[in-house]
N, C-alpha and C. Protein backbone atom coordinates (compact mmCIF):
# COMPACT_ATOMS: atom_id res chain seq x y z
N UNK A 1 -34.13 -9.61 -50.73
CA UNK A 1 -34.12 -10.24 -49.43
C UNK A 1 -33.57 -9.24 -48.40
N UNK A 2 -34.30 -9.10 -47.29
CA UNK A 2 -33.88 -8.17 -46.24
C UNK A 2 -32.83 -8.80 -45.34
N UNK A 3 -31.87 -7.99 -44.88
CA UNK A 3 -30.83 -8.55 -44.00
C UNK A 3 -31.41 -8.90 -42.64
N UNK A 4 -30.83 -9.88 -42.02
CA UNK A 4 -31.22 -10.28 -40.67
C UNK A 4 -30.76 -9.18 -39.71
N UNK A 5 -31.54 -8.98 -38.64
CA UNK A 5 -31.27 -7.89 -37.71
C UNK A 5 -29.85 -7.97 -37.15
N UNK A 6 -29.37 -9.16 -36.81
CA UNK A 6 -28.03 -9.29 -36.22
C UNK A 6 -26.95 -8.87 -37.21
N UNK A 7 -27.20 -8.99 -38.50
CA UNK A 7 -26.20 -8.58 -39.48
C UNK A 7 -26.09 -7.07 -39.59
N UNK A 8 -27.13 -6.36 -39.23
CA UNK A 8 -27.07 -4.90 -39.34
C UNK A 8 -26.54 -4.27 -38.06
N UNK A 9 -26.70 -4.92 -36.93
CA UNK A 9 -26.23 -4.34 -35.66
C UNK A 9 -24.74 -4.61 -35.46
N UNK A 10 -24.32 -5.83 -35.67
CA UNK A 10 -22.94 -6.20 -35.41
C UNK A 10 -22.12 -6.05 -36.68
N UNK A 11 -20.96 -5.43 -36.57
CA UNK A 11 -20.13 -5.28 -37.77
C UNK A 11 -19.51 -6.63 -38.16
N UNK A 12 -19.17 -6.75 -39.42
CA UNK A 12 -18.49 -7.95 -39.90
C UNK A 12 -17.07 -7.97 -39.33
N UNK A 13 -16.58 -9.16 -39.06
CA UNK A 13 -15.21 -9.29 -38.57
C UNK A 13 -14.25 -8.90 -39.69
N UNK A 14 -13.27 -8.09 -39.35
CA UNK A 14 -12.31 -7.61 -40.34
C UNK A 14 -10.92 -7.83 -39.77
N UNK A 15 -10.10 -8.62 -40.46
CA UNK A 15 -8.76 -8.93 -39.97
C UNK A 15 -7.89 -7.68 -39.87
N UNK A 16 -8.12 -6.71 -40.72
CA UNK A 16 -7.34 -5.47 -40.66
C UNK A 16 -7.53 -4.79 -39.30
N UNK A 17 -8.82 -4.63 -38.91
CA UNK A 17 -9.09 -3.96 -37.63
C UNK A 17 -8.66 -4.83 -36.45
N UNK A 18 -8.76 -6.13 -36.60
CA UNK A 18 -8.29 -7.03 -35.53
C UNK A 18 -6.79 -6.88 -35.32
N UNK A 19 -6.03 -6.73 -36.42
CA UNK A 19 -4.58 -6.54 -36.31
C UNK A 19 -4.27 -5.20 -35.66
N UNK A 20 -5.01 -4.17 -36.00
CA UNK A 20 -4.81 -2.84 -35.40
C UNK A 20 -5.08 -2.90 -33.90
N UNK A 21 -6.19 -3.51 -33.52
CA UNK A 21 -6.54 -3.63 -32.10
C UNK A 21 -5.48 -4.43 -31.37
N UNK A 22 -5.03 -5.54 -31.97
CA UNK A 22 -3.99 -6.35 -31.35
C UNK A 22 -2.70 -5.57 -31.16
N UNK A 23 -2.33 -4.77 -32.14
CA UNK A 23 -1.11 -3.97 -32.04
C UNK A 23 -1.23 -2.92 -30.93
N UNK A 24 -2.39 -2.29 -30.83
CA UNK A 24 -2.61 -1.28 -29.78
C UNK A 24 -2.48 -1.92 -28.40
N UNK A 25 -3.12 -3.06 -28.21
CA UNK A 25 -3.07 -3.74 -26.91
C UNK A 25 -1.65 -4.24 -26.62
N UNK A 26 -0.96 -4.75 -27.64
CA UNK A 26 0.41 -5.21 -27.47
C UNK A 26 1.32 -4.07 -27.01
N UNK A 27 1.19 -2.90 -27.65
CA UNK A 27 1.98 -1.74 -27.24
C UNK A 27 1.65 -1.35 -25.80
N UNK A 28 0.36 -1.41 -25.43
CA UNK A 28 -0.03 -1.10 -24.05
C UNK A 28 0.62 -2.03 -23.04
N UNK A 29 0.64 -3.32 -23.34
CA UNK A 29 1.24 -4.29 -22.41
C UNK A 29 2.75 -4.08 -22.34
N UNK A 30 3.38 -3.79 -23.48
CA UNK A 30 4.82 -3.52 -23.48
C UNK A 30 5.12 -2.28 -22.63
N UNK A 31 4.34 -1.24 -22.78
CA UNK A 31 4.57 -0.02 -22.00
C UNK A 31 4.37 -0.26 -20.50
N UNK A 32 3.34 -1.03 -20.14
CA UNK A 32 3.16 -1.36 -18.73
C UNK A 32 4.31 -2.21 -18.21
N UNK A 33 4.78 -3.15 -19.03
CA UNK A 33 5.93 -3.96 -18.62
C UNK A 33 7.17 -3.10 -18.40
N UNK A 34 7.39 -2.13 -19.28
CA UNK A 34 8.52 -1.21 -19.10
C UNK A 34 8.37 -0.42 -17.81
N UNK A 35 7.16 0.02 -17.54
CA UNK A 35 6.92 0.81 -16.33
C UNK A 35 7.15 -0.02 -15.07
N UNK A 36 6.71 -1.25 -15.07
CA UNK A 36 6.84 -2.09 -13.88
C UNK A 36 8.26 -2.58 -13.70
N UNK A 37 8.89 -3.04 -14.77
CA UNK A 37 10.15 -3.76 -14.63
C UNK A 37 11.39 -2.94 -14.96
N UNK A 38 11.26 -1.83 -15.67
CA UNK A 38 12.44 -1.07 -16.07
C UNK A 38 12.47 0.30 -15.39
N UNK A 39 11.38 1.05 -15.50
CA UNK A 39 11.31 2.39 -14.91
C UNK A 39 10.44 2.32 -13.67
N UNK A 40 11.03 2.34 -12.46
CA UNK A 40 10.20 2.25 -11.26
C UNK A 40 9.34 3.50 -11.08
N UNK A 41 8.22 3.33 -10.41
CA UNK A 41 7.31 4.43 -10.17
C UNK A 41 6.10 4.33 -11.09
N UNK A 42 5.34 5.39 -11.13
CA UNK A 42 4.17 5.43 -12.01
C UNK A 42 4.29 6.68 -12.86
N UNK A 43 4.97 6.53 -13.99
CA UNK A 43 5.25 7.67 -14.84
C UNK A 43 4.57 7.59 -16.18
N UNK A 44 5.21 8.20 -17.16
CA UNK A 44 4.63 8.32 -18.49
C UNK A 44 4.40 6.97 -19.15
N UNK A 45 5.34 6.03 -19.00
CA UNK A 45 5.17 4.72 -19.65
C UNK A 45 3.94 4.00 -19.10
N UNK A 46 3.71 4.09 -17.81
CA UNK A 46 2.54 3.44 -17.22
C UNK A 46 1.24 4.07 -17.67
N UNK A 47 1.21 5.38 -17.72
CA UNK A 47 0.00 6.07 -18.16
C UNK A 47 -0.28 5.77 -19.63
N UNK A 48 0.77 5.82 -20.47
CA UNK A 48 0.59 5.52 -21.89
C UNK A 48 0.14 4.08 -22.06
N UNK A 49 0.73 3.16 -21.29
CA UNK A 49 0.33 1.75 -21.37
C UNK A 49 -1.13 1.55 -21.01
N UNK A 50 -1.59 2.21 -19.94
CA UNK A 50 -3.01 2.09 -19.56
C UNK A 50 -3.92 2.69 -20.62
N UNK A 51 -3.52 3.82 -21.19
CA UNK A 51 -4.33 4.44 -22.24
C UNK A 51 -4.42 3.52 -23.46
N UNK A 52 -3.30 2.91 -23.86
CA UNK A 52 -3.31 2.00 -25.00
C UNK A 52 -4.16 0.77 -24.72
N UNK A 53 -4.05 0.20 -23.51
CA UNK A 53 -4.88 -0.97 -23.18
C UNK A 53 -6.37 -0.62 -23.22
N UNK A 54 -6.72 0.48 -22.59
CA UNK A 54 -8.12 0.91 -22.60
C UNK A 54 -8.58 1.26 -24.01
N UNK A 55 -7.74 1.96 -24.75
CA UNK A 55 -8.10 2.33 -26.12
C UNK A 55 -8.26 1.11 -27.02
N UNK A 56 -7.37 0.14 -26.90
CA UNK A 56 -7.48 -1.08 -27.69
C UNK A 56 -8.73 -1.87 -27.37
N UNK A 57 -9.05 -1.92 -26.08
CA UNK A 57 -10.25 -2.66 -25.67
C UNK A 57 -11.52 -1.98 -26.17
N UNK A 58 -11.60 -0.67 -26.00
CA UNK A 58 -12.78 0.07 -26.47
C UNK A 58 -12.88 -0.01 -27.99
N UNK A 59 -11.76 0.11 -28.67
CA UNK A 59 -11.75 0.02 -30.13
C UNK A 59 -12.24 -1.34 -30.59
N UNK A 60 -11.86 -2.39 -29.88
CA UNK A 60 -12.32 -3.74 -30.26
C UNK A 60 -13.84 -3.84 -30.15
N UNK A 61 -14.43 -3.24 -29.14
CA UNK A 61 -15.89 -3.27 -28.99
C UNK A 61 -16.56 -2.51 -30.14
N UNK A 62 -15.98 -1.40 -30.51
CA UNK A 62 -16.59 -0.56 -31.55
C UNK A 62 -16.43 -1.18 -32.94
N UNK A 63 -15.21 -1.59 -33.28
CA UNK A 63 -14.92 -2.03 -34.64
C UNK A 63 -15.21 -3.51 -34.89
N UNK A 64 -15.11 -4.33 -33.87
CA UNK A 64 -15.27 -5.77 -34.07
C UNK A 64 -16.56 -6.32 -33.48
N UNK A 65 -17.29 -5.51 -32.72
CA UNK A 65 -18.55 -5.96 -32.16
C UNK A 65 -18.42 -6.45 -30.73
N UNK A 66 -19.54 -6.65 -30.05
CA UNK A 66 -19.50 -7.01 -28.64
C UNK A 66 -18.92 -8.39 -28.36
N UNK A 67 -19.13 -9.35 -29.25
CA UNK A 67 -18.58 -10.69 -29.01
C UNK A 67 -17.06 -10.64 -29.01
N UNK A 68 -16.48 -10.09 -30.06
CA UNK A 68 -15.03 -9.98 -30.13
C UNK A 68 -14.50 -8.99 -29.10
N UNK A 69 -15.25 -7.95 -28.81
CA UNK A 69 -14.84 -6.98 -27.78
C UNK A 69 -14.72 -7.62 -26.42
N UNK A 70 -15.72 -8.44 -26.07
CA UNK A 70 -15.68 -9.12 -24.77
C UNK A 70 -14.52 -10.12 -24.73
N UNK A 71 -14.33 -10.86 -25.81
CA UNK A 71 -13.24 -11.83 -25.87
C UNK A 71 -11.89 -11.14 -25.76
N UNK A 72 -11.72 -10.04 -26.45
CA UNK A 72 -10.46 -9.31 -26.39
C UNK A 72 -10.25 -8.68 -25.01
N UNK A 73 -11.32 -8.19 -24.38
CA UNK A 73 -11.20 -7.62 -23.03
C UNK A 73 -10.71 -8.66 -22.04
N UNK A 74 -11.31 -9.83 -22.06
CA UNK A 74 -10.91 -10.90 -21.14
C UNK A 74 -9.48 -11.34 -21.45
N UNK A 75 -9.17 -11.49 -22.74
CA UNK A 75 -7.82 -11.90 -23.13
C UNK A 75 -6.78 -10.88 -22.69
N UNK A 76 -7.10 -9.62 -22.81
CA UNK A 76 -6.17 -8.57 -22.38
C UNK A 76 -5.90 -8.65 -20.89
N UNK A 77 -6.96 -8.84 -20.10
CA UNK A 77 -6.78 -8.96 -18.65
C UNK A 77 -5.93 -10.17 -18.30
N UNK A 78 -6.20 -11.30 -18.93
CA UNK A 78 -5.44 -12.52 -18.66
C UNK A 78 -3.99 -12.34 -19.07
N UNK A 79 -3.74 -11.77 -20.23
CA UNK A 79 -2.39 -11.59 -20.72
C UNK A 79 -1.60 -10.61 -19.84
N UNK A 80 -2.23 -9.53 -19.45
CA UNK A 80 -1.55 -8.55 -18.59
C UNK A 80 -1.23 -9.16 -17.23
N UNK A 81 -2.16 -9.93 -16.67
CA UNK A 81 -1.93 -10.58 -15.38
C UNK A 81 -0.82 -11.62 -15.48
N UNK A 82 -0.85 -12.41 -16.55
CA UNK A 82 0.18 -13.43 -16.73
C UNK A 82 1.56 -12.79 -16.91
N UNK A 83 1.63 -11.69 -17.64
CA UNK A 83 2.89 -10.99 -17.83
C UNK A 83 3.43 -10.49 -16.49
N UNK A 84 2.57 -9.94 -15.67
CA UNK A 84 2.97 -9.44 -14.36
C UNK A 84 3.46 -10.58 -13.47
N UNK A 85 2.71 -11.68 -13.42
CA UNK A 85 3.08 -12.80 -12.55
C UNK A 85 4.40 -13.42 -13.01
N UNK A 86 4.55 -13.66 -14.29
CA UNK A 86 5.79 -14.24 -14.79
C UNK A 86 6.97 -13.28 -14.56
N UNK A 87 6.72 -12.01 -14.72
CA UNK A 87 7.78 -11.03 -14.46
C UNK A 87 8.20 -11.02 -13.00
N UNK A 88 7.25 -11.16 -12.08
CA UNK A 88 7.57 -11.16 -10.67
C UNK A 88 8.33 -12.42 -10.25
N UNK A 89 8.15 -13.51 -10.98
CA UNK A 89 8.87 -14.75 -10.67
C UNK A 89 10.30 -14.72 -11.20
N UNK A 90 10.60 -13.78 -12.06
CA UNK A 90 11.92 -13.68 -12.66
C UNK A 90 12.95 -13.30 -11.60
N UNK A 91 14.08 -13.99 -11.58
CA UNK A 91 15.17 -13.69 -10.63
C UNK A 91 15.71 -12.28 -10.86
N UNK A 92 15.75 -11.85 -12.12
CA UNK A 92 16.23 -10.51 -12.44
C UNK A 92 15.37 -9.45 -11.76
N UNK A 93 14.07 -9.62 -11.82
CA UNK A 93 13.16 -8.65 -11.21
C UNK A 93 13.23 -8.74 -9.69
N UNK A 94 13.30 -9.97 -9.15
CA UNK A 94 13.37 -10.13 -7.70
C UNK A 94 14.61 -9.45 -7.14
N UNK A 95 15.73 -9.52 -7.86
CA UNK A 95 16.95 -8.88 -7.40
C UNK A 95 16.79 -7.36 -7.38
N UNK A 96 16.01 -6.82 -8.29
CA UNK A 96 15.82 -5.38 -8.34
C UNK A 96 14.83 -4.88 -7.30
N UNK A 97 13.89 -5.74 -6.87
CA UNK A 97 12.85 -5.31 -5.95
C UNK A 97 13.17 -5.59 -4.49
N UNK A 98 14.06 -6.54 -4.20
CA UNK A 98 14.35 -6.94 -2.83
C UNK A 98 15.70 -6.39 -2.41
N UNK A 99 15.72 -5.75 -1.27
CA UNK A 99 16.95 -5.19 -0.73
C UNK A 99 17.81 -6.32 -0.17
N UNK A 100 19.07 -6.42 -0.64
CA UNK A 100 19.95 -7.49 -0.20
C UNK A 100 20.85 -7.09 0.95
N UNK A 101 21.14 -5.81 1.10
CA UNK A 101 22.02 -5.39 2.19
C UNK A 101 21.27 -5.41 3.50
N UNK A 102 22.01 -5.67 4.56
CA UNK A 102 21.40 -5.72 5.89
C UNK A 102 21.85 -4.52 6.70
N UNK A 103 20.99 -4.07 7.58
CA UNK A 103 21.30 -2.97 8.47
C UNK A 103 22.07 -3.53 9.66
N UNK A 104 23.33 -3.14 9.83
CA UNK A 104 24.08 -3.66 10.97
C UNK A 104 23.53 -3.11 12.28
N UNK A 105 23.68 -3.91 13.31
CA UNK A 105 23.21 -3.50 14.63
C UNK A 105 23.97 -2.26 15.08
N UNK A 106 23.27 -1.33 15.69
CA UNK A 106 23.90 -0.11 16.15
C UNK A 106 23.83 1.02 15.14
N UNK A 107 23.42 0.71 13.91
CA UNK A 107 23.28 1.74 12.88
C UNK A 107 21.80 2.03 12.69
N UNK A 108 21.47 3.26 12.41
CA UNK A 108 20.08 3.61 12.17
C UNK A 108 19.35 3.90 13.48
N UNK A 109 18.04 3.82 13.42
CA UNK A 109 17.21 4.14 14.57
C UNK A 109 16.91 2.87 15.36
N UNK A 110 17.23 2.89 16.62
CA UNK A 110 16.91 1.78 17.51
C UNK A 110 16.25 2.35 18.75
N UNK A 111 15.30 1.63 19.29
CA UNK A 111 14.64 2.10 20.49
C UNK A 111 15.46 1.69 21.71
N UNK A 112 15.47 2.56 22.69
CA UNK A 112 16.20 2.24 23.91
C UNK A 112 15.40 1.25 24.74
N UNK A 113 16.06 0.59 25.65
CA UNK A 113 15.40 -0.39 26.50
C UNK A 113 14.57 0.35 27.54
N UNK A 114 13.27 0.20 27.44
CA UNK A 114 12.36 0.89 28.35
C UNK A 114 11.84 -0.02 29.45
N UNK A 115 12.28 -1.27 29.50
CA UNK A 115 11.80 -2.22 30.50
C UNK A 115 12.01 -1.76 31.94
N UNK A 116 13.10 -1.03 32.27
CA UNK A 116 13.26 -0.58 33.66
C UNK A 116 12.17 0.38 34.14
N UNK A 117 11.36 0.90 33.21
CA UNK A 117 10.31 1.83 33.60
C UNK A 117 9.09 1.14 34.21
N UNK A 118 8.99 -0.18 34.07
CA UNK A 118 7.82 -0.90 34.60
C UNK A 118 7.74 -0.69 36.10
N UNK A 119 6.55 -0.29 36.55
CA UNK A 119 6.31 -0.04 37.97
C UNK A 119 6.60 1.39 38.39
N UNK A 120 7.21 2.20 37.54
CA UNK A 120 7.53 3.58 37.88
C UNK A 120 6.31 4.48 37.71
N UNK A 121 6.29 5.55 38.54
CA UNK A 121 5.21 6.52 38.48
C UNK A 121 5.63 7.69 37.60
N UNK A 122 4.63 8.37 37.06
CA UNK A 122 4.89 9.53 36.24
C UNK A 122 3.66 10.40 36.13
N UNK A 123 3.68 11.33 35.20
CA UNK A 123 2.57 12.27 35.00
C UNK A 123 2.37 12.49 33.51
N UNK A 124 1.11 12.56 33.11
CA UNK A 124 0.81 12.79 31.69
C UNK A 124 1.10 14.24 31.33
N UNK A 125 1.72 14.44 30.19
CA UNK A 125 1.98 15.78 29.68
C UNK A 125 0.98 16.17 28.60
N UNK A 126 0.21 15.19 28.15
CA UNK A 126 -0.86 15.45 27.18
C UNK A 126 -2.00 14.50 27.52
N UNK A 127 -3.16 14.77 26.94
CA UNK A 127 -4.27 13.84 27.11
C UNK A 127 -3.90 12.52 26.45
N UNK A 128 -4.24 11.42 27.10
CA UNK A 128 -4.02 10.10 26.50
C UNK A 128 -5.36 9.63 25.95
N UNK A 129 -5.45 9.51 24.61
CA UNK A 129 -6.72 9.17 23.95
C UNK A 129 -6.58 7.99 23.02
N UNK A 130 -6.13 6.89 23.25
CA UNK A 130 -5.43 6.41 24.43
C UNK A 130 -3.92 6.66 24.36
N UNK A 131 -3.39 7.22 23.27
CA UNK A 131 -1.95 7.47 23.19
C UNK A 131 -1.66 8.93 23.49
N UNK A 132 -0.46 9.18 24.00
CA UNK A 132 -0.04 10.54 24.31
C UNK A 132 1.37 10.55 24.84
N UNK A 133 1.70 11.62 25.58
CA UNK A 133 3.06 11.81 26.10
C UNK A 133 3.00 11.91 27.60
N UNK A 134 4.01 11.31 28.26
CA UNK A 134 4.09 11.36 29.72
C UNK A 134 5.54 11.54 30.13
N UNK A 135 5.74 12.05 31.36
CA UNK A 135 7.06 12.15 31.97
C UNK A 135 7.17 11.05 33.00
N UNK A 136 8.15 10.16 32.81
CA UNK A 136 8.41 9.08 33.75
C UNK A 136 9.91 9.09 34.02
N UNK A 137 10.30 9.24 35.29
CA UNK A 137 11.72 9.31 35.66
C UNK A 137 12.47 10.37 34.85
N UNK A 138 11.88 11.55 34.75
CA UNK A 138 12.47 12.67 34.02
C UNK A 138 12.74 12.35 32.56
N UNK A 139 12.01 11.38 32.00
CA UNK A 139 12.09 11.06 30.58
C UNK A 139 10.74 11.36 29.94
N UNK A 140 10.77 12.08 28.84
CA UNK A 140 9.54 12.36 28.08
C UNK A 140 9.37 11.22 27.08
N UNK A 141 8.31 10.41 27.25
CA UNK A 141 8.13 9.24 26.40
C UNK A 141 6.71 9.17 25.86
N UNK A 142 6.57 8.48 24.73
CA UNK A 142 5.26 8.21 24.16
C UNK A 142 4.67 7.02 24.90
N UNK A 143 3.42 7.16 25.34
CA UNK A 143 2.77 6.11 26.11
C UNK A 143 1.38 5.84 25.56
N UNK A 144 0.81 4.70 25.99
CA UNK A 144 -0.54 4.31 25.63
C UNK A 144 -1.25 3.94 26.91
N UNK A 145 -2.48 4.43 27.10
CA UNK A 145 -3.22 4.06 28.31
C UNK A 145 -3.74 2.64 28.17
N UNK A 146 -4.02 2.01 29.29
CA UNK A 146 -4.47 0.62 29.26
C UNK A 146 -5.92 0.49 28.85
N UNK A 147 -6.57 1.55 28.53
CA UNK A 147 -7.94 1.43 28.08
C UNK A 147 -8.56 2.76 27.75
N UNK A 148 -8.85 3.53 28.78
CA UNK A 148 -9.63 4.72 28.57
C UNK A 148 -8.82 5.99 28.43
N UNK A 149 -9.56 7.07 28.45
CA UNK A 149 -9.02 8.41 28.33
C UNK A 149 -8.40 8.84 29.66
N UNK A 150 -7.21 9.41 29.62
CA UNK A 150 -6.57 9.97 30.82
C UNK A 150 -6.21 11.41 30.49
N UNK A 151 -6.64 12.33 31.36
CA UNK A 151 -6.43 13.75 31.12
C UNK A 151 -4.99 14.16 31.40
N UNK A 152 -4.60 15.30 30.84
CA UNK A 152 -3.28 15.88 31.05
C UNK A 152 -3.10 16.21 32.53
N UNK A 153 -1.90 15.94 33.06
CA UNK A 153 -1.60 16.26 34.45
C UNK A 153 -1.97 15.17 35.44
N UNK A 154 -2.47 14.05 35.00
CA UNK A 154 -2.86 12.96 35.89
C UNK A 154 -1.66 12.09 36.24
N UNK A 155 -1.69 11.51 37.43
CA UNK A 155 -0.64 10.59 37.85
C UNK A 155 -0.87 9.25 37.16
N UNK A 156 0.22 8.65 36.68
CA UNK A 156 0.14 7.37 35.98
C UNK A 156 1.22 6.44 36.50
N UNK A 157 1.07 5.16 36.15
CA UNK A 157 2.06 4.15 36.50
C UNK A 157 2.29 3.28 35.27
N UNK A 158 3.54 2.97 34.98
CA UNK A 158 3.88 2.11 33.85
C UNK A 158 3.58 0.67 34.25
N UNK A 159 2.73 0.00 33.45
CA UNK A 159 2.37 -1.38 33.78
C UNK A 159 2.94 -2.39 32.81
N UNK A 160 3.38 -1.96 31.63
CA UNK A 160 3.94 -2.90 30.66
C UNK A 160 4.78 -2.15 29.64
N UNK A 161 5.80 -2.86 29.12
CA UNK A 161 6.63 -2.34 28.04
C UNK A 161 6.79 -3.45 27.02
N UNK A 162 6.42 -3.14 25.77
CA UNK A 162 6.56 -4.12 24.69
C UNK A 162 7.31 -3.44 23.55
N UNK A 163 8.64 -3.58 23.55
CA UNK A 163 9.46 -2.87 22.57
C UNK A 163 9.38 -1.38 22.82
N UNK A 164 8.97 -0.59 21.83
CA UNK A 164 8.85 0.84 22.03
C UNK A 164 7.49 1.25 22.62
N UNK A 165 6.60 0.29 22.83
CA UNK A 165 5.25 0.59 23.33
C UNK A 165 5.23 0.52 24.85
N UNK A 166 4.90 1.65 25.49
CA UNK A 166 4.83 1.74 26.94
C UNK A 166 3.36 1.90 27.34
N UNK A 167 2.86 0.97 28.15
CA UNK A 167 1.45 0.98 28.57
C UNK A 167 1.39 1.50 30.00
N UNK A 168 0.47 2.46 30.23
CA UNK A 168 0.31 3.06 31.56
C UNK A 168 -1.13 2.96 32.01
N UNK A 169 -1.30 3.10 33.33
CA UNK A 169 -2.65 3.18 33.89
C UNK A 169 -2.69 4.36 34.85
N UNK A 170 -3.89 4.87 35.06
CA UNK A 170 -4.09 6.00 35.97
C UNK A 170 -3.92 5.50 37.40
N UNK A 171 -3.27 6.31 38.23
CA UNK A 171 -3.14 5.99 39.66
C UNK A 171 -3.84 7.06 40.46
N UNK A 172 -3.99 6.82 41.76
CA UNK A 172 -4.66 7.79 42.63
C UNK A 172 -3.66 8.71 43.31
N UNK A 173 -2.37 8.57 42.96
CA UNK A 173 -1.35 9.44 43.55
C UNK A 173 -1.52 10.86 43.04
N UNK A 174 -1.28 11.82 43.90
CA UNK A 174 -1.33 13.23 43.51
C UNK A 174 0.08 13.74 43.31
N UNK A 175 0.32 14.45 42.23
CA UNK A 175 1.63 15.03 41.96
C UNK A 175 1.70 16.40 42.64
N UNK A 176 2.70 16.58 43.52
CA UNK A 176 2.87 17.86 44.18
C UNK A 176 4.35 18.24 44.15
N UNK A 177 4.64 19.45 43.75
CA UNK A 177 5.99 19.98 43.70
C UNK A 177 6.96 19.08 42.92
N UNK A 178 6.46 18.41 41.90
CA UNK A 178 7.32 17.61 41.02
C UNK A 178 7.72 16.27 41.60
N UNK A 179 7.26 15.86 42.76
CA UNK A 179 7.67 14.57 43.37
C UNK A 179 6.52 13.61 43.46
N UNK A 180 6.79 12.35 43.63
CA UNK A 180 5.74 11.32 43.78
C UNK A 180 5.34 11.25 45.25
N UNK A 181 4.05 11.13 45.51
CA UNK A 181 3.56 10.95 46.88
C UNK A 181 2.53 9.90 46.90
């Protein structure tokens, strides 16, 4: 009696190889978990974990056939995703990922109050495309044009300030001898 075609193409299920594939994938998930939750960054544990996951999945397709390979591939994705989600919900992990200390006011970088510049005239020191640099009240500041391109050396007027963002528009004033006219 001749074997059926499907029996010759697909390998027989073998518990030995299934256990090997399961162990490879398990080690991959453990290594990825170590990389995510213990060793921050993307280092050797993460790379080894990805190699083991990919190797286990490919091995399952080769040794166990496409049906078991597909099932193991989907199961691996679900298990890895569930491990990540459950790990992120853990209070231990949240404490390690979220900064608890607060920056006191006056420490670090703070922008100065630029609101008094509204309505003041100045001159562009660089092309505004639409962002660039301008001199307003003898202050060199980063500005944004209200729409189009403004060439270097053009007279401008501050029309709005939103935090550190200073919006200017071109004016018809001519700059002569460093003064506004």
